[in-house]
Amino acid sequence: MKFHLWSVLAFATAALFASPVNASIVVVDGRNAPWSNDFNPSFFYPGFSSLGAASLAINAGSSYEISYISGFTQTTEGANLSDGVGSYGSFFSGPGLYTPLGPGQNPQLQALLGTFVDASGQIVGSPFYIGNGPVHVAAPLGSVFLFLGVNDTGYSDNLGSLNVSVNEVLAAVPEPSTWAMMILGFTGVGYMTYRRRNQSAAFRLA
């Protein structure tokens, strides 16, 4: 059985840099709005009587995978169920009627939305549509929380909740001692390969 040093070294390096994942489950109530109008006048929408946003502390610069797991919300008893994608329903419904996500982004009523905010609740970057996911987003520098909520105009009679998975994918950054060991390892493997080739060449000449 041949011992392939480069294959083993490649495997070890991949294992070293494998990104760990921190998973959280956030419950988004049907009465959670995706952000606060008070601190974000440029992203104003005519929502009222909400419970505020469902929030999760995040690490700026990290990447996140956000996905709907289970649950439903309704605008009122008897209205269509939404699993995060949204529902047109039968009352005050329509795409893009309530939230300014930008050109071409038209979330339905009760659609699951998210945004990153700073410590004061101001939006950092832009709000984004999640639906039932998964979506992959990077937390902008300066952000402290991920806010989640549903798209609506009034929240007081909303029902239900959504269970949302938020997975933080961390970038693995080796410490200096780890870098030193890797450099020594590569040097050693290179030297062993060099010697093996020289020995094989000398054997053939003999």
N, C-alpha and C. Protein backbone atom coordinates (compact mmCIF):
# COMPACT_ATOMS: atom_id res chain seq x y z
N MET A 1 0.85 -1.18 0.00
CA MET A 1 0.00 0.00 0.00
C MET A 1 0.89 1.23 0.00
N LYS A 2 0.74 2.10 -1.01
CA LYS A 2 1.59 3.26 -1.11
C LYS A 2 1.10 4.36 -0.18
N PHE A 3 2.08 5.11 0.33
CA PHE A 3 1.78 6.19 1.26
C PHE A 3 1.93 7.52 0.52
N HIS A 4 0.83 8.14 0.17
CA HIS A 4 0.85 9.37 -0.60
C HIS A 4 0.89 10.56 0.34
N LEU A 5 2.08 11.10 0.53
CA LEU A 5 2.25 12.20 1.49
C LEU A 5 1.44 13.43 1.12
N TRP A 6 1.40 13.74 -0.17
CA TRP A 6 0.69 14.96 -0.57
C TRP A 6 -0.81 14.82 -0.34
N SER A 7 -1.35 13.63 -0.55
CA SER A 7 -2.78 13.41 -0.32
C SER A 7 -3.12 13.56 1.16
N VAL A 8 -2.27 12.98 2.01
CA VAL A 8 -2.50 13.08 3.45
C VAL A 8 -2.41 14.52 3.91
N LEU A 9 -1.40 15.24 3.38
CA LEU A 9 -1.22 16.63 3.77
C LEU A 9 -2.41 17.48 3.32
N ALA A 10 -2.92 17.22 2.12
CA ALA A 10 -4.07 17.96 1.61
C ALA A 10 -5.30 17.71 2.48
N PHE A 11 -5.49 16.43 2.88
CA PHE A 11 -6.62 16.09 3.74
C PHE A 11 -6.51 16.79 5.08
N ALA A 12 -5.31 16.80 5.66
CA ALA A 12 -5.10 17.44 6.96
C ALA A 12 -5.35 18.94 6.88
N THR A 13 -4.91 19.55 5.77
CA THR A 13 -5.12 20.98 5.61
C THR A 13 -6.60 21.31 5.48
N ALA A 14 -7.32 20.48 4.71
CA ALA A 14 -8.77 20.70 4.55
C ALA A 14 -9.49 20.57 5.89
N ALA A 15 -9.08 19.60 6.69
CA ALA A 15 -9.70 19.42 8.01
C ALA A 15 -9.40 20.61 8.92
N LEU A 16 -8.19 21.15 8.79
CA LEU A 16 -7.80 22.27 9.63
C LEU A 16 -8.63 23.50 9.33
N PHE A 17 -8.93 23.72 8.03
CA PHE A 17 -9.64 24.92 7.64
C PHE A 17 -11.15 24.70 7.51
N ALA A 18 -11.65 23.53 7.88
CA ALA A 18 -13.08 23.29 7.83
C ALA A 18 -13.79 24.29 8.73
N SER A 19 -14.85 24.91 8.20
CA SER A 19 -15.54 25.96 8.94
C SER A 19 -16.54 25.38 9.93
N PRO A 20 -16.40 25.67 11.20
CA PRO A 20 -17.38 25.23 12.18
C PRO A 20 -18.69 25.98 11.98
N VAL A 21 -19.80 25.40 12.40
CA VAL A 21 -21.10 26.01 12.22
C VAL A 21 -21.80 26.12 13.56
N ASN A 22 -22.29 27.35 13.89
CA ASN A 22 -23.10 27.56 15.09
C ASN A 22 -24.54 27.72 14.65
N ALA A 23 -25.43 26.89 15.17
CA ALA A 23 -26.83 26.90 14.75
C ALA A 23 -27.72 27.47 15.85
N SER A 24 -28.69 28.27 15.45
CA SER A 24 -29.69 28.82 16.37
C SER A 24 -31.07 28.68 15.75
N ILE A 25 -32.08 28.54 16.60
CA ILE A 25 -33.47 28.53 16.16
C ILE A 25 -34.13 29.79 16.70
N VAL A 26 -34.70 30.59 15.81
CA VAL A 26 -35.38 31.82 16.19
C VAL A 26 -36.87 31.65 15.92
N VAL A 27 -37.70 31.96 16.91
CA VAL A 27 -39.15 31.91 16.74
C VAL A 27 -39.63 33.29 16.33
N VAL A 28 -40.22 33.37 15.15
CA VAL A 28 -40.73 34.64 14.63
C VAL A 28 -42.25 34.64 14.78
N ASP A 29 -42.74 35.46 15.68
CA ASP A 29 -44.17 35.58 15.92
C ASP A 29 -44.82 36.30 14.73
N GLY A 30 -46.08 35.97 14.47
CA GLY A 30 -46.80 36.65 13.39
C GLY A 30 -46.95 38.13 13.63
N ARG A 31 -46.70 38.58 14.85
CA ARG A 31 -46.79 40.01 15.18
C ARG A 31 -45.43 40.70 15.20
N ASN A 32 -44.37 39.96 14.79
CA ASN A 32 -43.04 40.57 14.69
C ASN A 32 -42.89 41.29 13.36
N ALA A 33 -42.54 42.57 13.42
CA ALA A 33 -42.21 43.33 12.22
C ALA A 33 -40.72 43.17 11.94
N PRO A 34 -40.29 43.32 10.67
CA PRO A 34 -38.89 43.03 10.34
C PRO A 34 -37.90 44.09 10.81
N TRP A 35 -38.37 45.31 11.11
CA TRP A 35 -37.48 46.36 11.65
C TRP A 35 -38.35 47.47 12.21
N SER A 36 -37.73 48.46 12.81
CA SER A 36 -38.47 49.56 13.44
C SER A 36 -38.52 50.76 12.51
N ASN A 37 -39.72 51.30 12.33
CA ASN A 37 -39.88 52.52 11.56
C ASN A 37 -39.22 53.72 12.25
N ASP A 38 -39.23 53.70 13.58
CA ASP A 38 -38.74 54.85 14.36
C ASP A 38 -37.29 55.18 14.04
N PHE A 39 -36.47 54.15 13.82
CA PHE A 39 -35.04 54.36 13.61
C PHE A 39 -34.63 54.25 12.14
N ASN A 40 -35.62 54.00 11.27
CA ASN A 40 -35.30 53.80 9.85
C ASN A 40 -36.31 54.51 8.96
N PRO A 41 -36.32 55.83 8.98
CA PRO A 41 -37.31 56.57 8.17
C PRO A 41 -37.19 56.31 6.67
N SER A 42 -35.98 55.98 6.20
CA SER A 42 -35.82 55.73 4.77
C SER A 42 -36.35 54.36 4.37
N PHE A 43 -36.66 53.51 5.34
CA PHE A 43 -37.25 52.19 5.07
C PHE A 43 -38.63 52.11 5.72
N PHE A 44 -39.35 53.22 5.70
CA PHE A 44 -40.65 53.28 6.37
C PHE A 44 -41.68 52.42 5.65
N TYR A 45 -42.53 51.76 6.43
CA TYR A 45 -43.67 51.05 5.90
C TYR A 45 -44.83 51.24 6.87
N PRO A 46 -46.07 51.19 6.41
CA PRO A 46 -47.22 51.52 7.26
C PRO A 46 -47.64 50.37 8.17
N GLY A 47 -46.71 49.85 8.94
CA GLY A 47 -47.04 48.80 9.89
C GLY A 47 -47.33 49.40 11.26
N PHE A 48 -48.22 48.80 12.01
CA PHE A 48 -48.54 49.31 13.34
C PHE A 48 -48.88 48.15 14.27
N SER A 49 -48.74 48.41 15.56
CA SER A 49 -49.10 47.44 16.62
C SER A 49 -48.29 46.16 16.55
N SER A 50 -47.03 46.26 16.17
CA SER A 50 -46.20 45.06 16.14
C SER A 50 -45.54 44.84 17.49
N LEU A 51 -44.96 43.67 17.65
CA LEU A 51 -44.19 43.35 18.87
C LEU A 51 -42.73 43.74 18.69
N GLY A 52 -42.39 44.43 17.61
CA GLY A 52 -40.99 44.64 17.29
C GLY A 52 -40.48 43.44 16.52
N ALA A 53 -39.20 43.40 16.31
CA ALA A 53 -38.61 42.31 15.53
C ALA A 53 -38.14 41.18 16.43
N ALA A 54 -38.15 39.96 15.89
CA ALA A 54 -37.44 38.86 16.54
C ALA A 54 -35.96 39.08 16.27
N SER A 55 -35.12 38.97 17.29
CA SER A 55 -33.72 39.35 17.09
C SER A 55 -32.77 38.24 17.55
N LEU A 56 -31.60 38.26 16.95
CA LEU A 56 -30.53 37.33 17.29
C LEU A 56 -29.21 38.08 17.21
N ALA A 57 -28.39 38.00 18.26
CA ALA A 57 -27.08 38.63 18.25
C ALA A 57 -26.19 37.91 17.24
N ILE A 58 -25.48 38.69 16.44
CA ILE A 58 -24.64 38.11 15.38
C ILE A 58 -23.23 38.69 15.45
N ASN A 59 -22.34 38.12 14.66
CA ASN A 59 -20.97 38.59 14.55
C ASN A 59 -20.76 39.23 13.19
N ALA A 60 -20.48 40.52 13.18
CA ALA A 60 -20.26 41.22 11.91
C ALA A 60 -19.11 40.56 11.15
N GLY A 61 -19.30 40.40 9.86
CA GLY A 61 -18.29 39.78 9.01
C GLY A 61 -18.50 38.30 8.79
N SER A 62 -19.30 37.67 9.64
CA SER A 62 -19.59 36.24 9.46
C SER A 62 -20.67 36.05 8.40
N SER A 63 -20.71 34.87 7.83
CA SER A 63 -21.76 34.52 6.87
C SER A 63 -22.82 33.69 7.58
N TYR A 64 -24.06 33.85 7.12
CA TYR A 64 -25.18 33.16 7.76
C TYR A 64 -26.06 32.48 6.72
N GLU A 65 -26.53 31.28 7.08
CA GLU A 65 -27.54 30.59 6.30
C GLU A 65 -28.84 30.64 7.08
N ILE A 66 -29.88 31.20 6.47
CA ILE A 66 -31.17 31.40 7.14
C ILE A 66 -32.22 30.60 6.39
N SER A 67 -33.01 29.83 7.13
CA SER A 67 -33.99 28.98 6.46
C SER A 67 -35.21 28.72 7.35
N TYR A 68 -36.36 28.73 6.75
CA TYR A 68 -37.62 28.35 7.42
C TYR A 68 -37.59 26.87 7.76
N ILE A 69 -38.05 26.54 8.96
CA ILE A 69 -38.12 25.13 9.37
C ILE A 69 -39.57 24.65 9.43
N SER A 70 -40.40 25.38 10.18
CA SER A 70 -41.77 24.93 10.37
C SER A 70 -42.63 26.10 10.87
N GLY A 71 -43.95 25.85 10.91
CA GLY A 71 -44.88 26.84 11.43
C GLY A 71 -45.56 27.65 10.34
N PHE A 72 -46.61 28.36 10.75
CA PHE A 72 -47.38 29.20 9.82
C PHE A 72 -47.81 30.47 10.53
N THR A 73 -48.03 31.52 9.74
CA THR A 73 -48.61 32.75 10.27
C THR A 73 -49.85 33.09 9.45
N GLN A 74 -50.72 33.93 10.04
CA GLN A 74 -51.92 34.40 9.37
C GLN A 74 -52.13 35.87 9.69
N THR A 75 -52.77 36.59 8.76
CA THR A 75 -53.09 37.99 9.02
C THR A 75 -54.26 38.12 9.98
N THR A 76 -55.11 37.13 10.00
CA THR A 76 -56.24 37.09 10.92
C THR A 76 -56.83 35.68 10.89
N GLU A 77 -57.67 35.36 11.82
CA GLU A 77 -58.26 34.02 11.86
C GLU A 77 -59.04 33.73 10.58
N GLY A 78 -58.75 32.59 9.96
CA GLY A 78 -59.42 32.21 8.73
C GLY A 78 -58.71 32.65 7.47
N ALA A 79 -57.67 33.49 7.61
CA ALA A 79 -56.92 33.94 6.43
C ALA A 79 -55.97 32.84 5.96
N ASN A 80 -55.43 33.01 4.78
CA ASN A 80 -54.50 32.02 4.24
C ASN A 80 -53.29 31.86 5.14
N LEU A 81 -52.77 30.62 5.19
CA LEU A 81 -51.57 30.34 5.96
C LEU A 81 -50.33 30.71 5.15
N SER A 82 -49.32 31.20 5.85
CA SER A 82 -48.05 31.50 5.19
C SER A 82 -46.94 30.74 5.88
N ASP A 83 -46.06 30.10 5.08
CA ASP A 83 -44.91 29.38 5.63
C ASP A 83 -43.63 30.19 5.51
N GLY A 84 -43.76 31.49 5.32
CA GLY A 84 -42.60 32.35 5.15
C GLY A 84 -42.51 32.91 3.75
N VAL A 85 -43.06 32.17 2.78
CA VAL A 85 -43.07 32.66 1.40
C VAL A 85 -44.04 33.81 1.27
N GLY A 86 -45.15 33.75 2.02
CA GLY A 86 -46.17 34.79 1.97
C GLY A 86 -47.43 34.29 1.32
N SER A 87 -48.48 35.08 1.45
CA SER A 87 -49.77 34.70 0.90
C SER A 87 -50.49 35.95 0.44
N TYR A 88 -51.18 35.85 -0.70
CA TYR A 88 -51.92 37.00 -1.19
C TYR A 88 -53.19 37.25 -0.38
N GLY A 89 -53.74 36.21 0.23
CA GLY A 89 -54.90 36.39 1.09
C GLY A 89 -56.06 37.04 0.36
N SER A 90 -56.99 37.63 1.13
CA SER A 90 -58.18 38.22 0.52
C SER A 90 -58.39 39.67 0.97
N PHE A 91 -57.46 40.20 1.81
CA PHE A 91 -57.69 41.54 2.36
C PHE A 91 -56.38 42.31 2.39
N PHE A 92 -56.32 43.47 1.71
CA PHE A 92 -55.12 44.30 1.66
C PHE A 92 -53.89 43.50 1.21
N SER A 93 -54.07 42.66 0.22
CA SER A 93 -52.94 41.84 -0.19
C SER A 93 -52.34 42.34 -1.49
N GLY A 94 -51.09 42.00 -1.72
CA GLY A 94 -50.44 42.37 -2.96
C GLY A 94 -48.95 42.43 -2.79
N PRO A 95 -48.22 42.11 -3.85
CA PRO A 95 -46.76 42.08 -3.73
C PRO A 95 -46.16 43.48 -3.62
N GLY A 96 -45.16 43.61 -2.78
CA GLY A 96 -44.41 44.85 -2.70
C GLY A 96 -45.19 46.04 -2.20
N LEU A 97 -46.34 45.80 -1.58
CA LEU A 97 -47.20 46.90 -1.17
C LEU A 97 -46.73 47.57 0.12
N TYR A 98 -45.94 46.83 0.92
CA TYR A 98 -45.67 47.32 2.26
C TYR A 98 -44.20 47.59 2.56
N THR A 99 -43.29 46.88 1.96
CA THR A 99 -41.90 46.99 2.39
C THR A 99 -40.98 47.39 1.24
N PRO A 100 -40.15 48.39 1.43
CA PRO A 100 -39.26 48.85 0.36
C PRO A 100 -37.96 48.06 0.30
N LEU A 101 -37.98 46.94 -0.40
CA LEU A 101 -36.78 46.11 -0.52
C LEU A 101 -35.96 46.44 -1.75
N GLY A 102 -36.45 47.34 -2.59
CA GLY A 102 -35.69 47.70 -3.77
C GLY A 102 -36.37 47.23 -5.04
N PRO A 103 -35.89 47.72 -6.19
CA PRO A 103 -36.50 47.37 -7.49
C PRO A 103 -36.50 45.86 -7.74
N GLY A 104 -37.65 45.37 -8.18
CA GLY A 104 -37.75 43.96 -8.52
C GLY A 104 -37.96 43.03 -7.35
N GLN A 105 -37.97 43.57 -6.12
CA GLN A 105 -38.19 42.74 -4.94
C GLN A 105 -39.58 43.02 -4.39
N ASN A 106 -40.49 42.08 -4.59
CA ASN A 106 -41.89 42.30 -4.26
C ASN A 106 -42.41 41.21 -3.32
N PRO A 107 -42.10 41.28 -2.05
CA PRO A 107 -42.55 40.24 -1.13
C PRO A 107 -44.05 40.27 -0.92
N GLN A 108 -44.63 39.11 -0.78
CA GLN A 108 -46.05 39.01 -0.53
C GLN A 108 -46.35 39.33 0.94
N LEU A 109 -47.64 39.46 1.20
CA LEU A 109 -48.12 39.64 2.56
C LEU A 109 -47.68 38.46 3.42
N GLN A 110 -47.17 38.72 4.61
CA GLN A 110 -46.71 37.71 5.57
C GLN A 110 -45.41 37.03 5.16
N ALA A 111 -44.74 37.53 4.13
CA ALA A 111 -43.44 36.96 3.75
C ALA A 111 -42.43 37.19 4.86
N LEU A 112 -41.54 36.24 5.06
CA LEU A 112 -40.48 36.37 6.07
C LEU A 112 -39.36 37.25 5.52
N LEU A 113 -39.03 38.30 6.27
CA LEU A 113 -38.00 39.24 5.87
C LEU A 113 -36.94 39.34 6.97
N GLY A 114 -35.77 39.81 6.60
CA GLY A 114 -34.70 39.98 7.58
C GLY A 114 -33.87 41.20 7.27
N THR A 115 -33.13 41.66 8.26
CA THR A 115 -32.18 42.74 8.06
C THR A 115 -31.17 42.73 9.20
N PHE A 116 -30.00 43.28 8.95
CA PHE A 116 -28.99 43.44 9.99
C PHE A 116 -29.04 44.87 10.49
N VAL A 117 -28.92 45.03 11.80
CA VAL A 117 -29.01 46.37 12.40
C VAL A 117 -27.86 46.58 13.38
N ASP A 118 -27.59 47.87 13.67
CA ASP A 118 -26.58 48.19 14.67
C ASP A 118 -27.20 48.21 16.06
N ALA A 119 -26.45 48.64 17.05
CA ALA A 119 -26.92 48.59 18.44
C ALA A 119 -28.13 49.48 18.68
N SER A 120 -28.33 50.50 17.85
CA SER A 120 -29.46 51.42 18.03
C SER A 120 -30.69 50.98 17.25
N GLY A 121 -30.58 49.91 16.46
CA GLY A 121 -31.71 49.44 15.67
C GLY A 121 -31.74 49.98 14.26
N GLN A 122 -30.71 50.74 13.86
CA GLN A 122 -30.65 51.26 12.50
C GLN A 122 -30.17 50.17 11.54
N ILE A 123 -30.79 50.11 10.38
CA ILE A 123 -30.45 49.10 9.39
C ILE A 123 -29.05 49.34 8.83
N VAL A 124 -28.26 48.27 8.79
CA VAL A 124 -26.94 48.30 8.17
C VAL A 124 -27.03 47.50 6.87
N GLY A 125 -26.81 48.17 5.76
CA GLY A 125 -27.01 47.51 4.48
C GLY A 125 -28.45 47.67 4.03
N SER A 126 -29.07 46.59 3.62
CA SER A 126 -30.45 46.63 3.13
C SER A 126 -31.23 45.43 3.66
N PRO A 127 -32.54 45.61 3.89
CA PRO A 127 -33.38 44.46 4.24
C PRO A 127 -33.39 43.45 3.10
N PHE A 128 -33.72 42.21 3.42
CA PHE A 128 -33.72 41.17 2.39
C PHE A 128 -34.85 40.18 2.61
N TYR A 129 -35.26 39.57 1.52
CA TYR A 129 -36.32 38.56 1.52
C TYR A 129 -35.72 37.20 1.87
N ILE A 130 -36.39 36.48 2.77
CA ILE A 130 -35.96 35.13 3.15
C ILE A 130 -36.92 34.09 2.60
N GLY A 131 -38.23 34.34 2.73
CA GLY A 131 -39.20 33.33 2.32
C GLY A 131 -39.02 32.07 3.15
N ASN A 132 -38.94 30.92 2.50
CA ASN A 132 -38.66 29.70 3.26
C ASN A 132 -37.21 29.23 3.05
N GLY A 133 -36.41 30.09 2.36
CA GLY A 133 -34.98 29.87 2.27
C GLY A 133 -34.60 28.57 1.56
N PRO A 134 -33.34 28.19 1.77
CA PRO A 134 -32.35 28.94 2.54
C PRO A 134 -31.76 30.11 1.76
N VAL A 135 -31.39 31.16 2.49
CA VAL A 135 -30.65 32.27 1.90
C VAL A 135 -29.30 32.36 2.60
N HIS A 136 -28.29 32.84 1.88
CA HIS A 136 -26.96 33.00 2.44
C HIS A 136 -26.59 34.47 2.39
N VAL A 137 -26.33 35.04 3.56
CA VAL A 137 -26.03 36.47 3.64
C VAL A 137 -24.83 36.68 4.57
N ALA A 138 -24.10 37.76 4.31
CA ALA A 138 -22.98 38.13 5.17
C ALA A 138 -23.39 39.32 6.03
N ALA A 139 -23.09 39.25 7.31
CA ALA A 139 -23.42 40.34 8.22
C ALA A 139 -22.47 41.50 7.97
N PRO A 140 -23.00 42.69 7.60
CA PRO A 140 -22.12 43.82 7.29
C PRO A 140 -21.37 44.30 8.53
N LEU A 141 -20.23 44.92 8.30
CA LEU A 141 -19.48 45.52 9.40
C LEU A 141 -20.34 46.60 10.05
N GLY A 142 -20.34 46.62 11.36
CA GLY A 142 -21.16 47.58 12.10
C GLY A 142 -22.47 47.00 12.58
N SER A 143 -22.86 45.84 12.05
CA SER A 143 -24.12 45.22 12.49
C SER A 143 -23.90 44.43 13.78
N VAL A 144 -24.95 44.38 14.59
CA VAL A 144 -24.88 43.72 15.90
C VAL A 144 -25.97 42.65 16.03
N PHE A 145 -27.11 42.89 15.39
CA PHE A 145 -28.24 41.96 15.48
C PHE A 145 -28.78 41.63 14.10
N LEU A 146 -29.36 40.43 14.00
CA LEU A 146 -30.19 40.05 12.88
C LEU A 146 -31.63 40.22 13.33
N PHE A 147 -32.41 41.03 12.60
CA PHE A 147 -33.83 41.21 12.88
C PHE A 147 -34.64 40.40 11.89
N LEU A 148 -35.68 39.72 12.38
CA LEU A 148 -36.57 38.92 11.54
C LEU A 148 -38.01 39.32 11.83
N GLY A 149 -38.84 39.32 10.80
CA GLY A 149 -40.26 39.63 10.97
C GLY A 149 -41.01 39.33 9.69
N VAL A 150 -42.33 39.56 9.72
CA VAL A 150 -43.16 39.28 8.54
C VAL A 150 -43.65 40.58 7.93
N ASN A 151 -43.97 40.53 6.66
CA ASN A 151 -44.41 41.67 5.87
C ASN A 151 -45.90 41.93 6.09
N ASP A 152 -46.24 43.13 6.59
CA ASP A 152 -47.64 43.41 6.88
C ASP A 152 -47.83 44.91 7.08
N THR A 153 -49.10 45.32 7.18
CA THR A 153 -49.41 46.71 7.53
C THR A 153 -49.85 46.85 8.98
N GLY A 154 -50.57 45.85 9.46
CA GLY A 154 -51.01 45.86 10.85
C GLY A 154 -50.77 44.49 11.47
N TYR A 155 -50.31 44.48 12.73
CA TYR A 155 -49.86 43.23 13.34
C TYR A 155 -50.71 42.76 14.52
N SER A 156 -51.63 43.59 14.98
CA SER A 156 -52.33 43.28 16.23
C SER A 156 -53.15 42.00 16.16
N ASP A 157 -53.72 41.68 15.01
CA ASP A 157 -54.56 40.48 14.90
C ASP A 157 -53.87 39.33 14.19
N ASN A 158 -52.56 39.45 13.96
CA ASN A 158 -51.84 38.35 13.31
C ASN A 158 -51.74 37.15 14.25
N LEU A 159 -51.67 35.97 13.66
CA LEU A 159 -51.63 34.72 14.42
C LEU A 159 -50.47 33.85 13.98
N GLY A 160 -50.09 32.91 14.84
CA GLY A 160 -49.10 31.91 14.49
C GLY A 160 -47.66 32.37 14.65
N SER A 161 -46.76 31.50 14.26
CA SER A 161 -45.32 31.79 14.37
C SER A 161 -44.55 30.89 13.41
N LEU A 162 -43.31 31.30 13.13
CA LEU A 162 -42.42 30.53 12.27
C LEU A 162 -41.17 30.15 13.06
N ASN A 163 -40.70 28.93 12.88
CA ASN A 163 -39.41 28.51 13.44
C ASN A 163 -38.37 28.65 12.33
N VAL A 164 -37.36 29.46 12.61
CA VAL A 164 -36.37 29.80 11.59
C VAL A 164 -34.98 29.37 12.06
N SER A 165 -34.27 28.68 11.20
CA SER A 165 -32.91 28.24 11.50
C SER A 165 -31.92 29.30 11.01
N VAL A 166 -30.99 29.68 11.89
CA VAL A 166 -29.94 30.63 11.53
C VAL A 166 -28.61 29.97 11.86
N ASN A 167 -27.86 29.64 10.83
CA ASN A 167 -26.56 28.98 11.00
C ASN A 167 -25.43 29.95 10.68
N GLU A 168 -24.56 30.17 11.64
CA GLU A 168 -23.40 31.03 11.42
C GLU A 168 -22.24 30.17 10.93
N VAL A 169 -21.70 30.53 9.79
CA VAL A 169 -20.55 29.82 9.23
C VAL A 169 -19.32 30.66 9.51
N LEU A 170 -18.47 30.16 10.39
CA LEU A 170 -17.30 30.92 10.82
C LEU A 170 -16.12 30.66 9.91
N ALA A 171 -15.36 31.69 9.65
CA ALA A 171 -14.13 31.54 8.88
C ALA A 171 -13.02 31.08 9.82
N ALA A 172 -12.39 29.96 9.49
CA ALA A 172 -11.32 29.44 10.34
C ALA A 172 -10.03 30.21 10.07
N VAL A 173 -9.50 30.85 11.10
CA VAL A 173 -8.26 31.62 10.97
C VAL A 173 -7.20 30.98 11.85
N PRO A 174 -6.19 30.33 11.26
CA PRO A 174 -5.16 29.66 12.06
C PRO A 174 -4.34 30.66 12.87
N GLU A 175 -3.90 30.23 14.03
CA GLU A 175 -3.01 31.04 14.85
C GLU A 175 -1.59 30.96 14.30
N PRO A 176 -0.71 31.90 14.70
CA PRO A 176 0.67 31.89 14.19
C PRO A 176 1.39 30.56 14.38
N SER A 177 1.18 29.92 15.53
CA SER A 177 1.84 28.63 15.78
C SER A 177 1.37 27.58 14.78
N THR A 178 0.09 27.64 14.41
CA THR A 178 -0.44 26.70 13.43
C THR A 178 0.18 26.94 12.06
N TRP A 179 0.29 28.22 11.69
CA TRP A 179 0.94 28.54 10.42
C TRP A 179 2.37 28.00 10.40
N ALA A 180 3.11 28.18 11.52
CA ALA A 180 4.50 27.73 11.59
C ALA A 180 4.59 26.22 11.40
N MET A 181 3.69 25.47 12.05
CA MET A 181 3.69 24.02 11.91
C MET A 181 3.37 23.60 10.47
N MET A 182 2.44 24.31 9.83
CA MET A 182 2.10 23.97 8.45
C MET A 182 3.27 24.23 7.51
N ILE A 183 3.95 25.36 7.72
CA ILE A 183 5.10 25.68 6.86
C ILE A 183 6.20 24.64 7.03
N LEU A 184 6.46 24.25 8.30
CA LEU A 184 7.46 23.21 8.55
C LEU A 184 7.05 21.89 7.90
N GLY A 185 5.75 21.59 7.97
CA GLY A 185 5.25 20.35 7.38
C GLY A 185 5.44 20.34 5.87
N PHE A 186 5.07 21.44 5.22
CA PHE A 186 5.26 21.53 3.76
C PHE A 186 6.74 21.43 3.39
N THR A 187 7.60 22.09 4.20
CA THR A 187 9.04 22.04 3.93
C THR A 187 9.55 20.61 4.05
N GLY A 188 9.12 19.92 5.10
CA GLY A 188 9.55 18.54 5.31
C GLY A 188 9.11 17.62 4.19
N VAL A 189 7.84 17.78 3.77
CA VAL A 189 7.34 16.93 2.69
C VAL A 189 8.10 17.22 1.40
N GLY A 190 8.36 18.51 1.14
CA GLY A 190 9.13 18.86 -0.06
C GLY A 190 10.53 18.27 -0.04
N TYR A 191 11.18 18.30 1.13
CA TYR A 191 12.53 17.75 1.25
C TYR A 191 12.53 16.24 1.05
N MET A 192 11.53 15.56 1.65
CA MET A 192 11.44 14.11 1.51
C MET A 192 11.20 13.72 0.05
N THR A 193 10.36 14.49 -0.64
CA THR A 193 10.10 14.21 -2.06
C THR A 193 11.36 14.41 -2.89
N TYR A 194 12.09 15.49 -2.58
CA TYR A 194 13.34 15.78 -3.28
C TYR A 194 14.34 14.65 -3.10
N ARG A 195 14.52 14.16 -1.86
CA ARG A 195 15.47 13.08 -1.58
C ARG A 195 15.05 11.80 -2.28
N ARG A 196 13.76 11.51 -2.26
CA ARG A 196 13.28 10.28 -2.88
C ARG A 196 13.57 10.29 -4.39
N ARG A 197 13.37 11.43 -5.02
CA ARG A 197 13.64 11.52 -6.46
C ARG A 197 15.13 11.36 -6.74
N ASN A 198 15.98 11.97 -5.90
CA ASN A 198 17.42 11.85 -6.10
C ASN A 198 17.90 10.41 -5.92
N GLN A 199 17.33 9.75 -4.89
CA GLN A 199 17.70 8.37 -4.65
C GLN A 199 17.28 7.47 -5.82
N SER A 200 16.09 7.74 -6.38
CA SER A 200 15.63 6.93 -7.50
C SER A 200 16.49 7.15 -8.72
N ALA A 201 16.90 8.41 -8.94
CA ALA A 201 17.76 8.72 -10.08
C ALA A 201 19.12 8.04 -9.93
N ALA A 202 19.70 8.07 -8.69
CA ALA A 202 21.02 7.45 -8.45
C ALA A 202 20.92 5.95 -8.64
N PHE A 203 19.81 5.34 -8.25
CA PHE A 203 19.63 3.89 -8.39
C PHE A 203 19.59 3.50 -9.86
N ARG A 204 18.90 4.32 -10.66
CA ARG A 204 18.81 4.00 -12.09
C ARG A 204 20.18 4.12 -12.77
N LEU A 205 21.00 5.14 -12.36
CA LEU A 205 22.33 5.32 -12.93
C LEU A 205 23.27 4.18 -12.57
N ALA A 206 23.07 3.64 -11.35
CA ALA A 206 23.92 2.56 -10.92
C ALA A 206 23.56 1.30 -11.70
